[in-house]
Amino acid sequence: MKKTAWVFFVIGILYASYLLLLLSLPYLDMRRGIDFLKTKQLIYHIKHWRYSFYIHVFTSILVITSGLFQFSKTILTRYTKIHRISGVVYLVTTLLISGPAALVMSFYANGGYPAQASFVILSILWLGSTFLAYYFVRKKDYESHGKWMVRSYALTLSAVSLRLYSYLFNVFYFNMDPVELYILLSWMSWIPNLIIAEILIRRGLVKRLLDQR
């Protein structure tokens, strides 16, 4: 990734993280009628869903920002300790906290079975790709580790993609049934990300990063 593109990418992710933070703050009140929770009144009483929701909401920013540090040439070459620490934070948070919470939530997603299927697949792929990134770094196969981290982070950014596409659909006034729109967004939030990740991998992104070490 060229330096200019990387700078814009970082700025975009940091800004998106800031917006996610603003969206998350109202939930600190732990009240059931706030924003997105208005659509979840029929299942709010289900404890494992409710706990998973709050866990996922409050850890999403940590996952996004810690993952971002994994793809900086400067950090990878000059500040390897930061790379390792942020990597541990990303892997532990995704595999043990945010990922499992997302999987639980996906079974109760708005939009019925089509949207639920999308989010279940997304959660499984997210957990699976993150585990493989952990597996290969333990094996000291850093190229495979890097490739799986790219895939994992692409799926992490589905949280950003979902909100971005939702905003664009609202801006351009697409006349669609709300349920059908949410189903479409549930699949759009991660499939294009994964395609872009594969393109970057095939174009040698990971190899170029490792060559800088």
C-alpha atoms as a PDB file:
ATOM      1  CA  MET A   1       0.000   0.000   0.000  1.00  0.00           C
ATOM      2  CA  LYS A   2       1.484   3.341  -1.053  1.00  0.00           C
ATOM      3  CA  LYS A   3       2.265   5.882   1.637  1.00  0.00           C
ATOM      4  CA  THR A   4      -0.455   8.357   0.576  1.00  0.00           C
ATOM      5  CA  ALA A   5      -3.083   5.622   0.402  1.00  0.00           C
ATOM      6  CA  TRP A   6      -1.968   4.321   3.801  1.00  0.00           C
ATOM      7  CA  VAL A   7      -2.293   7.785   5.363  1.00  0.00           C
ATOM      8  CA  PHE A   8      -5.841   8.185   4.039  1.00  0.00           C
ATOM      9  CA  PHE A   9      -6.675   4.659   5.173  1.00  0.00           C
ATOM     10  CA  VAL A  10      -5.426   5.351   8.709  1.00  0.00           C
ATOM     11  CA  ILE A  11      -7.265   8.673   8.895  1.00  0.00           C
ATOM     12  CA  GLY A  12     -10.439   6.997   7.671  1.00  0.00           C
ATOM     13  CA  ILE A  13     -10.224   4.185  10.209  1.00  0.00           C
ATOM     14  CA  LEU A  14      -9.449   6.550  13.079  1.00  0.00           C
ATOM     15  CA  TYR A  15     -12.365   8.770  12.114  1.00  0.00           C
ATOM     16  CA  ALA A  16     -14.641   5.750  11.847  1.00  0.00           C
ATOM     17  CA  SER A  17     -13.434   4.630  15.285  1.00  0.00           C
ATOM     18  CA  TYR A  18     -14.278   8.066  16.652  1.00  0.00           C
ATOM     19  CA  LEU A  19     -17.792   7.823  15.206  1.00  0.00           C
ATOM     20  CA  LEU A  20     -18.201   4.326  16.670  1.00  0.00           C
ATOM     21  CA  LEU A  21     -17.141   5.726  20.026  1.00  0.00           C
ATOM     22  CA  LEU A  22     -19.818   8.403  19.800  1.00  0.00           C
ATOM     23  CA  LEU A  23     -22.390   5.762  18.886  1.00  0.00           C
ATOM     24  CA  SER A  24     -21.293   3.583  21.814  1.00  0.00           C
ATOM     25  CA  LEU A  25     -21.357   6.240  24.549  1.00  0.00           C
ATOM     26  CA  PRO A  26     -25.172   6.353  24.958  1.00  0.00           C
ATOM     27  CA  TYR A  27     -25.161   2.639  25.833  1.00  0.00           C
ATOM     28  CA  LEU A  28     -23.176   3.350  28.989  1.00  0.00           C
ATOM     29  CA  ASP A  29     -26.523   4.152  30.626  1.00  0.00           C
ATOM     30  CA  MET A  30     -27.513   0.488  30.191  1.00  0.00           C
ATOM     31  CA  ARG A  31     -31.073   1.520  29.336  1.00  0.00           C
ATOM     32  CA  ARG A  32     -33.109  -0.673  27.017  1.00  0.00           C
ATOM     33  CA  GLY A  33     -34.683   2.022  24.850  1.00  0.00           C
ATOM     34  CA  ILE A  34     -31.560   3.599  23.361  1.00  0.00           C
ATOM     35  CA  ASP A  35     -31.005   3.809  19.579  1.00  0.00           C
ATOM     36  CA  PHE A  36     -30.458   0.320  18.123  1.00  0.00           C
ATOM     37  CA  LEU A  37     -31.906  -1.299  21.239  1.00  0.00           C
ATOM     38  CA  LYS A  38     -35.342   0.058  20.299  1.00  0.00           C
ATOM     39  CA  THR A  39     -35.436  -2.701  17.665  1.00  0.00           C
ATOM     40  CA  LYS A  40     -34.489  -5.342  20.260  1.00  0.00           C
ATOM     41  CA  GLN A  41     -37.227  -4.923  22.851  1.00  0.00           C
ATOM     42  CA  LEU A  42     -38.554  -8.447  22.315  1.00  0.00           C
ATOM     43  CA  ILE A  43     -35.192 -10.078  23.086  1.00  0.00           C
ATOM     44  CA  TYR A  44     -33.586  -7.567  25.462  1.00  0.00           C
ATOM     45  CA  HIS A  45     -34.540  -9.780  28.402  1.00  0.00           C
ATOM     46  CA  ILE A  46     -32.366 -12.629  27.061  1.00  0.00           C
ATOM     47  CA  LYS A  47     -29.269 -12.327  29.233  1.00  0.00           C
ATOM     48  CA  HIS A  48     -26.699 -13.942  26.953  1.00  0.00           C
ATOM     49  CA  TRP A  49     -27.787 -11.706  24.066  1.00  0.00           C
ATOM     50  CA  ARG A  50     -27.777  -8.582  26.226  1.00  0.00           C
ATOM     51  CA  TYR A  51     -24.344  -9.295  27.710  1.00  0.00           C
ATOM     52  CA  SER A  52     -22.978 -10.099  24.267  1.00  0.00           C
ATOM     53  CA  PHE A  53     -24.358  -6.849  22.878  1.00  0.00           C
ATOM     54  CA  TYR A  54     -22.664  -4.660  25.469  1.00  0.00           C
ATOM     55  CA  ILE A  55     -19.414  -6.620  25.266  1.00  0.00           C
ATOM     56  CA  HIS A  56     -19.319  -6.312  21.486  1.00  0.00           C
ATOM     57  CA  VAL A  57     -20.206  -2.620  21.489  1.00  0.00           C
ATOM     58  CA  PHE A  58     -17.582  -1.655  24.051  1.00  0.00           C
ATOM     59  CA  THR A  59     -14.738  -3.751  22.601  1.00  0.00           C
ATOM     60  CA  SER A  60     -15.229  -2.973  18.905  1.00  0.00           C
ATOM     61  CA  ILE A  61     -13.107   0.192  18.990  1.00  0.00           C
ATOM     62  CA  LEU A  62     -10.295  -1.620  20.798  1.00  0.00           C
ATOM     63  CA  VAL A  63     -10.258  -4.340  18.133  1.00  0.00           C
ATOM     64  CA  ILE A  64     -10.299  -1.861  15.246  1.00  0.00           C
ATOM     65  CA  THR A  65      -7.535   0.370  16.604  1.00  0.00           C
ATOM     66  CA  SER A  66      -5.244  -2.409  17.847  1.00  0.00           C
ATOM     67  CA  GLY A  67      -5.563  -4.194  14.508  1.00  0.00           C
ATOM     68  CA  LEU A  68      -4.601  -1.055  12.643  1.00  0.00           C
ATOM     69  CA  PHE A  69      -1.125  -1.085  14.252  1.00  0.00           C
ATOM     70  CA  GLN A  70      -0.401  -4.455  12.620  1.00  0.00           C
ATOM     71  CA  PHE A  71      -0.058  -2.971   9.149  1.00  0.00           C
ATOM     72  CA  SER A  72       2.209   0.006   9.775  1.00  0.00           C
ATOM     73  CA  LYS A  73       5.683  -0.327   8.233  1.00  0.00           C
ATOM     74  CA  THR A  74       7.079   2.125  10.769  1.00  0.00           C
ATOM     75  CA  ILE A  75       5.764   0.197  13.758  1.00  0.00           C
ATOM     76  CA  LEU A  76       6.711  -3.145  12.215  1.00  0.00           C
ATOM     77  CA  THR A  77      10.314  -2.088  11.598  1.00  0.00           C
ATOM     78  CA  ARG A  78      11.111   0.424  14.355  1.00  0.00           C
ATOM     79  CA  TYR A  79       8.689  -0.305  17.173  1.00  0.00           C
ATOM     80  CA  THR A  80       8.347  -4.074  17.148  1.00  0.00           C
ATOM     81  CA  LYS A  81       7.267  -4.141  20.793  1.00  0.00           C
ATOM     82  CA  ILE A  82       4.226  -2.008  19.977  1.00  0.00           C
ATOM     83  CA  HIS A  83       3.466  -4.358  17.081  1.00  0.00           C
ATOM     84  CA  ARG A  84       3.594  -7.388  19.367  1.00  0.00           C
ATOM     85  CA  ILE A  85       1.570  -5.819  22.183  1.00  0.00           C
ATOM     86  CA  SER A  86      -1.141  -4.502  19.876  1.00  0.00           C
ATOM     87  CA  GLY A  87      -1.202  -7.895  18.161  1.00  0.00           C
ATOM     88  CA  VAL A  88      -1.766  -9.671  21.468  1.00  0.00           C
ATOM     89  CA  VAL A  89      -4.544  -7.210  22.345  1.00  0.00           C
ATOM     90  CA  TYR A  90      -6.169  -7.770  18.954  1.00  0.00           C
ATOM     91  CA  LEU A  91      -5.950 -11.565  19.068  1.00  0.00           C
ATOM     92  CA  VAL A  92      -7.102 -11.942  22.678  1.00  0.00           C
ATOM     93  CA  THR A  93      -9.946  -9.453  22.358  1.00  0.00           C
ATOM     94  CA  THR A  94     -11.188 -10.928  19.084  1.00  0.00           C
ATOM     95  CA  LEU A  95     -10.859 -14.617  19.960  1.00  0.00           C
ATOM     96  CA  LEU A  96     -11.971 -14.544  23.579  1.00  0.00           C
ATOM     97  CA  ILE A  97     -14.246 -11.514  23.947  1.00  0.00           C
ATOM     98  CA  SER A  98     -15.606  -9.629  20.955  1.00  0.00           C
ATOM     99  CA  GLY A  99     -15.719 -12.512  18.466  1.00  0.00           C
ATOM    100  CA  PRO A 100     -17.747 -14.909  20.635  1.00  0.00           C
ATOM    101  CA  ALA A 101     -20.083 -12.044  21.579  1.00  0.00           C
ATOM    102  CA  ALA A 102     -20.610 -11.248  17.895  1.00  0.00           C
ATOM    103  CA  LEU A 103     -21.416 -14.888  17.175  1.00  0.00           C
ATOM    104  CA  VAL A 104     -24.070 -14.962  19.900  1.00  0.00           C
ATOM    105  CA  MET A 105     -25.595 -11.737  18.603  1.00  0.00           C
ATOM    106  CA  SER A 106     -25.665 -12.971  15.015  1.00  0.00           C
ATOM    107  CA  PHE A 107     -28.298 -15.595  15.834  1.00  0.00           C
ATOM    108  CA  TYR A 108     -30.670 -12.780  16.857  1.00  0.00           C
ATOM    109  CA  ALA A 109     -29.892 -10.320  14.049  1.00  0.00           C
ATOM    110  CA  ASN A 110     -32.646  -8.161  12.566  1.00  0.00           C
ATOM    111  CA  GLY A 111     -33.763  -9.238   9.107  1.00  0.00           C
ATOM    112  CA  GLY A 112     -34.588 -12.835   9.883  1.00  0.00           C
ATOM    113  CA  TYR A 113     -32.749 -15.905   8.638  1.00  0.00           C
ATOM    114  CA  PRO A 114     -31.020 -14.297   5.604  1.00  0.00           C
ATOM    115  CA  ALA A 115     -29.339 -11.605   7.739  1.00  0.00           C
ATOM    116  CA  GLN A 116     -28.702 -14.025  10.586  1.00  0.00           C
ATOM    117  CA  ALA A 117     -26.979 -16.427   8.191  1.00  0.00           C
ATOM    118  CA  SER A 118     -24.758 -13.607   6.939  1.00  0.00           C
ATOM    119  CA  PHE A 119     -23.687 -12.546  10.417  1.00  0.00           C
ATOM    120  CA  VAL A 120     -23.160 -16.145  11.578  1.00  0.00           C
ATOM    121  CA  ILE A 121     -20.880 -16.794   8.596  1.00  0.00           C
ATOM    122  CA  LEU A 122     -19.108 -13.487   9.189  1.00  0.00           C
ATOM    123  CA  SER A 123     -18.516 -14.296  12.869  1.00  0.00           C
ATOM    124  CA  ILE A 124     -17.201 -17.785  12.121  1.00  0.00           C
ATOM    125  CA  LEU A 125     -14.879 -16.499   9.386  1.00  0.00           C
ATOM    126  CA  TRP A 126     -13.696 -13.700  11.677  1.00  0.00           C
ATOM    127  CA  LEU A 127     -12.904 -16.076  14.523  1.00  0.00           C
ATOM    128  CA  GLY A 128     -11.398 -18.644  12.158  1.00  0.00           C
ATOM    129  CA  SER A 129      -9.117 -16.222  10.313  1.00  0.00           C
ATOM    130  CA  THR A 130      -7.978 -14.654  13.585  1.00  0.00           C
ATOM    131  CA  PHE A 131      -7.210 -18.070  15.067  1.00  0.00           C
ATOM    132  CA  LEU A 132      -5.173 -18.999  11.978  1.00  0.00           C
ATOM    133  CA  ALA A 133      -3.260 -15.725  12.301  1.00  0.00           C
ATOM    134  CA  TYR A 134      -2.442 -16.724  15.884  1.00  0.00           C
ATOM    135  CA  TYR A 135      -1.580 -20.295  14.839  1.00  0.00           C
ATOM    136  CA  PHE A 136       0.897 -19.247  12.155  1.00  0.00           C
ATOM    137  CA  VAL A 137       2.625 -16.626  14.280  1.00  0.00           C
ATOM    138  CA  ARG A 138       3.197 -19.325  16.896  1.00  0.00           C
ATOM    139  CA  LYS A 139       4.745 -21.427  14.116  1.00  0.00           C
ATOM    140  CA  LYS A 140       6.876 -18.410  13.129  1.00  0.00           C
ATOM    141  CA  ASP A 141       5.380 -18.551   9.635  1.00  0.00           C
ATOM    142  CA  TYR A 142       5.117 -14.789   9.421  1.00  0.00           C
ATOM    143  CA  GLU A 143       3.951 -14.593   5.821  1.00  0.00           C
ATOM    144  CA  SER A 144       0.968 -16.865   6.475  1.00  0.00           C
ATOM    145  CA  HIS A 145       0.359 -14.984   9.722  1.00  0.00           C
ATOM    146  CA  GLY A 146       0.272 -11.705   7.838  1.00  0.00           C
ATOM    147  CA  LYS A 147      -2.113 -13.014   5.187  1.00  0.00           C
ATOM    148  CA  TRP A 148      -4.573 -14.260   7.783  1.00  0.00           C
ATOM    149  CA  MET A 149      -4.292 -11.000   9.706  1.00  0.00           C
ATOM    150  CA  VAL A 150      -5.246  -9.089   6.553  1.00  0.00           C
ATOM    151  CA  ARG A 151      -8.307 -11.304   6.148  1.00  0.00           C
ATOM    152  CA  SER A 152      -9.189 -11.028   9.830  1.00  0.00           C
ATOM    153  CA  TYR A 153      -8.887  -7.246   9.837  1.00  0.00           C
ATOM    154  CA  ALA A 154     -10.936  -6.969   6.645  1.00  0.00           C
ATOM    155  CA  LEU A 155     -13.723  -8.777   8.499  1.00  0.00           C
ATOM    156  CA  THR A 156     -13.189  -6.588  11.567  1.00  0.00           C
ATOM    157  CA  LEU A 157     -13.886  -3.575   9.365  1.00  0.00           C
ATOM    158  CA  SER A 158     -17.329  -4.962   8.512  1.00  0.00           C
ATOM    159  CA  ALA A 159     -18.545  -2.871  11.460  1.00  0.00           C
ATOM    160  CA  VAL A 160     -17.360   0.227   9.594  1.00  0.00           C
ATOM    161  CA  SER A 161     -18.590  -0.971   6.200  1.00  0.00           C
ATOM    162  CA  LEU A 162     -22.089  -1.687   7.486  1.00  0.00           C
ATOM    163  CA  ARG A 163     -22.493   1.855   8.773  1.00  0.00           C
ATOM    164  CA  LEU A 164     -20.869   3.401   5.707  1.00  0.00           C
ATOM    165  CA  TYR A 165     -23.166   1.613   3.257  1.00  0.00           C
ATOM    166  CA  SER A 166     -26.180   2.354   5.456  1.00  0.00           C
ATOM    167  CA  TYR A 167     -25.274   6.051   5.397  1.00  0.00           C
ATOM    168  CA  LEU A 168     -24.820   6.036   1.604  1.00  0.00           C
ATOM    169  CA  PHE A 169     -28.158   4.293   1.075  1.00  0.00           C
ATOM    170  CA  ASN A 170     -29.817   6.972   3.193  1.00  0.00           C
ATOM    171  CA  VAL A 171     -28.060   9.817   1.390  1.00  0.00           C
ATOM    172  CA  PHE A 172     -29.026   8.571  -2.067  1.00  0.00           C
ATOM    173  CA  TYR A 173     -32.562   7.637  -0.995  1.00  0.00           C
ATOM    174  CA  PHE A 174     -32.699   4.071  -2.217  1.00  0.00           C
ATOM    175  CA  ASN A 175     -36.345   3.042  -2.158  1.00  0.00           C
ATOM    176  CA  MET A 176     -36.147  -0.379  -0.545  1.00  0.00           C
ATOM    177  CA  ASP A 177     -38.087  -2.233   2.086  1.00  0.00           C
ATOM    178  CA  PRO A 178     -36.200  -1.716   5.399  1.00  0.00           C
ATOM    179  CA  VAL A 179     -35.904  -5.450   6.052  1.00  0.00           C
ATOM    180  CA  GLU A 180     -34.646  -6.173   2.536  1.00  0.00           C
ATOM    181  CA  LEU A 181     -32.202  -3.286   2.839  1.00  0.00           C
ATOM    182  CA  TYR A 182     -30.801  -4.605   6.111  1.00  0.00           C
ATOM    183  CA  ILE A 183     -30.387  -8.075   4.600  1.00  0.00           C
ATOM    184  CA  LEU A 184     -28.483  -6.547   1.681  1.00  0.00           C
ATOM    185  CA  LEU A 185     -26.312  -4.519   4.048  1.00  0.00           C
ATOM    186  CA  SER A 186     -25.574  -7.576   6.184  1.00  0.00           C
ATOM    187  CA  TRP A 187     -23.907  -9.277   3.203  1.00  0.00           C
ATOM    188  CA  MET A 188     -22.352  -6.134   1.748  1.00  0.00           C
ATOM    189  CA  SER A 189     -20.700  -5.330   5.070  1.00  0.00           C
ATOM    190  CA  TRP A 190     -18.091  -8.094   4.728  1.00  0.00           C
ATOM    191  CA  ILE A 191     -18.003  -9.763   1.294  1.00  0.00           C
ATOM    192  CA  PRO A 192     -16.439  -6.774  -0.577  1.00  0.00           C
ATOM    193  CA  ASN A 193     -13.960  -6.362   2.311  1.00  0.00           C
ATOM    194  CA  LEU A 194     -12.830  -9.955   1.951  1.00  0.00           C
ATOM    195  CA  ILE A 195     -12.489  -9.597  -1.834  1.00  0.00           C
ATOM    196  CA  ILE A 196     -10.325  -6.482  -1.396  1.00  0.00           C
ATOM    197  CA  ALA A 197      -8.224  -8.316   1.211  1.00  0.00           C
ATOM    198  CA  GLU A 198      -7.561 -11.169  -1.233  1.00  0.00           C
ATOM    199  CA  ILE A 199      -6.601  -8.708  -3.971  1.00  0.00           C
ATOM    200  CA  LEU A 200      -4.126  -6.976  -1.635  1.00  0.00           C
ATOM    201  CA  ILE A 201      -2.665 -10.310  -0.555  1.00  0.00           C
ATOM    202  CA  ARG A 202      -2.232 -11.463  -4.171  1.00  0.00           C
ATOM    203  CA  ARG A 203      -0.567  -8.162  -5.027  1.00  0.00           C
ATOM    204  CA  GLY A 204       2.078  -8.800  -2.397  1.00  0.00           C
ATOM    205  CA  LEU A 205       1.025  -6.533   0.464  1.00  0.00           C
ATOM    206  CA  VAL A 206       2.210  -8.925   3.165  1.00  0.00           C
ATOM    207  CA  LYS A 207       5.483  -9.700   1.416  1.00  0.00           C
ATOM    208  CA  ARG A 208       6.271  -6.001   1.044  1.00  0.00           C
ATOM    209  CA  LEU A 209       5.619  -5.416   4.733  1.00  0.00           C
ATOM    210  CA  LEU A 210       7.854  -8.318   5.726  1.00  0.00           C
ATOM    211  CA  ASP A 211      10.621  -7.173   3.380  1.00  0.00           C
ATOM    212  CA  GLN A 212      10.879  -3.997   5.461  1.00  0.00           C
ATOM    213  CA  ARG A 213      11.790  -5.917   8.618  1.00  0.00           C
END
